[in-house]
Amino acid sequence: MAINKNHEVEELNGIKCAVVERKIQLSRANFIKELLEFNHFKVVVREEPISDNAAPAENSDQEPAFTVGVTQLAFNTINALYGRLLRTPSGRIVTPAYWQQKEDEHEIPYYEYKA
């Protein structure tokens, strides 16, 4: 049962998990898994079944989608990012841009700029 859209709990591969992201590509799932495991979370990745609504010819080209979850049921992605709770392997704080893979890890985040 979800508290809200940002705090969904579901059983992934037989383990109750807080859902981090749904319907993502394998490369994105691997990025999130490595980052969360570095931050000492137990991560569960489940491959989503291909929808039955698509025609069989379309299913053959379609990349599989994945759902990523963590076993700590109180985990909330928004709180972890804006609460500055996650770190990169180099020790920097994970920013929302880094989480979305839009920022290079070596760029200076907005909160470290000195005027």
Protein backbone atom coordinates (compact mmCIF):
# COMPACT_ATOMS: atom_id res chain seq x y z
CA MET A 1 0.00 0.00 0.00
CA ALA A 2 1.44 3.35 -1.01
CA ILE A 3 1.45 6.34 1.27
CA ASN A 4 1.68 8.51 -1.83
CA LYS A 5 3.05 8.26 -5.38
CA ASN A 6 6.60 8.81 -4.12
CA HIS A 7 6.44 6.03 -1.53
CA GLU A 8 5.28 2.81 -3.14
CA VAL A 9 5.84 -0.58 -1.55
CA GLU A 10 5.65 -3.75 -3.61
CA GLU A 11 6.90 -7.31 -3.59
CA LEU A 12 9.81 -7.72 -6.05
CA ASN A 13 11.13 -11.25 -6.63
CA GLY A 14 9.42 -12.38 -3.43
CA ILE A 15 10.94 -9.61 -1.27
CA LYS A 16 8.94 -6.66 0.08
CA CYS A 17 10.59 -3.47 -1.24
CA ALA A 18 10.16 0.27 -1.48
CA VAL A 19 10.01 0.99 -5.21
CA VAL A 20 12.69 3.40 -6.40
CA GLU A 21 11.90 3.53 -10.15
CA ARG A 22 9.69 1.60 -12.56
CA LYS A 23 9.83 0.76 -16.26
CA ILE A 24 13.45 1.76 -16.82
CA GLN A 25 16.11 0.41 -19.15
CA LEU A 26 18.81 -2.00 -18.00
CA SER A 27 21.56 0.65 -18.13
CA ARG A 28 19.53 2.94 -15.84
CA ALA A 29 18.72 0.04 -13.51
CA ASN A 30 22.42 -0.83 -13.24
CA PHE A 31 23.32 2.83 -12.51
CA ILE A 32 20.75 3.05 -9.70
CA LYS A 33 21.68 -0.37 -8.33
CA GLU A 34 25.40 0.47 -8.13
CA LEU A 35 24.72 3.86 -6.52
CA LEU A 36 22.31 2.50 -3.90
CA GLU A 37 24.50 -0.50 -3.09
CA PHE A 38 27.42 1.88 -2.57
CA ASN A 39 25.17 3.69 -0.07
CA HIS A 40 24.59 0.38 1.79
CA PHE A 41 21.07 -0.41 0.57
CA LYS A 42 20.02 -3.92 -0.42
CA VAL A 43 18.71 -3.51 -3.97
CA VAL A 44 16.28 -5.78 -5.82
CA VAL A 45 15.84 -5.51 -9.60
CA ARG A 46 12.91 -7.19 -11.36
CA GLU A 47 12.36 -7.50 -15.09
CA GLU A 48 8.86 -6.36 -16.03
CA PRO A 49 6.80 -8.61 -18.27
CA ILE A 50 6.22 -7.30 -21.78
CA SER A 51 2.64 -6.05 -22.09
CA ASP A 52 0.14 -8.41 -23.67
CA ASN A 53 -1.53 -5.52 -25.51
CA ALA A 54 1.33 -5.16 -28.01
CA ALA A 55 1.36 -7.26 -31.16
CA PRO A 56 3.84 -10.19 -31.17
CA ALA A 57 5.96 -8.52 -33.88
CA GLU A 58 6.37 -5.44 -31.67
CA ASN A 59 7.37 -7.53 -28.64
CA SER A 60 10.44 -8.95 -30.39
CA ASP A 61 12.11 -5.51 -30.81
CA GLN A 62 11.04 -4.12 -27.46
CA GLU A 63 13.71 -3.81 -24.78
CA PRO A 64 12.72 -5.27 -21.43
CA ALA A 65 11.77 -2.83 -18.69
CA PHE A 66 12.94 -3.12 -15.09
CA THR A 67 11.71 -2.09 -11.66
CA VAL A 68 14.27 -1.23 -8.97
CA GLY A 69 13.49 -1.40 -5.26
CA VAL A 70 15.28 -1.39 -1.91
CA THR A 71 14.48 -3.57 1.08
CA GLN A 72 14.42 -0.58 3.45
CA LEU A 73 10.69 0.15 3.28
CA ALA A 74 11.06 3.69 4.63
CA PHE A 75 13.26 4.70 1.66
CA ASN A 76 11.91 7.61 -0.36
CA THR A 77 13.87 8.86 -3.38
CA ILE A 78 12.79 12.49 -2.98
CA ASN A 79 13.79 12.57 0.68
CA ALA A 80 17.11 10.87 -0.06
CA LEU A 81 18.02 13.36 -2.82
CA TYR A 82 16.88 16.62 -1.27
CA GLY A 83 17.90 15.51 2.22
CA ARG A 84 21.39 14.97 0.78
CA LEU A 85 21.57 11.43 2.16
CA LEU A 86 23.22 9.71 -0.81
CA ARG A 87 26.89 9.92 -1.84
CA THR A 88 28.68 9.13 -5.09
CA PRO A 89 31.59 6.66 -5.05
CA SER A 90 33.94 9.68 -5.06
CA GLY A 91 32.29 10.98 -1.86
CA ARG A 92 30.23 13.85 -3.29
CA ILE A 93 26.57 14.40 -2.49
CA VAL A 94 24.16 12.99 -5.09
CA THR A 95 22.26 15.87 -6.68
CA PRO A 96 18.94 15.50 -8.52
CA ALA A 97 20.79 16.14 -11.80
CA TYR A 98 23.32 13.39 -11.02
CA TRP A 99 20.48 11.02 -10.07
CA GLN A 100 18.83 11.71 -13.45
CA GLN A 101 22.23 11.22 -15.14
CA LYS A 102 22.19 14.77 -16.52
CA GLU A 103 25.22 16.05 -14.62
CA ASP A 104 28.82 15.01 -14.75
CA GLU A 105 30.02 13.91 -11.32
CA HIS A 106 32.92 16.35 -11.56
CA GLU A 107 30.78 19.47 -12.09
CA ILE A 108 30.33 21.72 -9.09
CA PRO A 109 26.75 21.50 -7.74
CA TYR A 110 24.74 24.68 -7.19
CA TYR A 111 25.08 24.57 -3.41
CA GLU A 112 28.89 24.57 -3.53
CA TYR A 113 29.25 27.76 -5.65
CA LYS A 114 30.82 30.64 -3.78
CA ALA A 115 29.92 34.14 -4.93
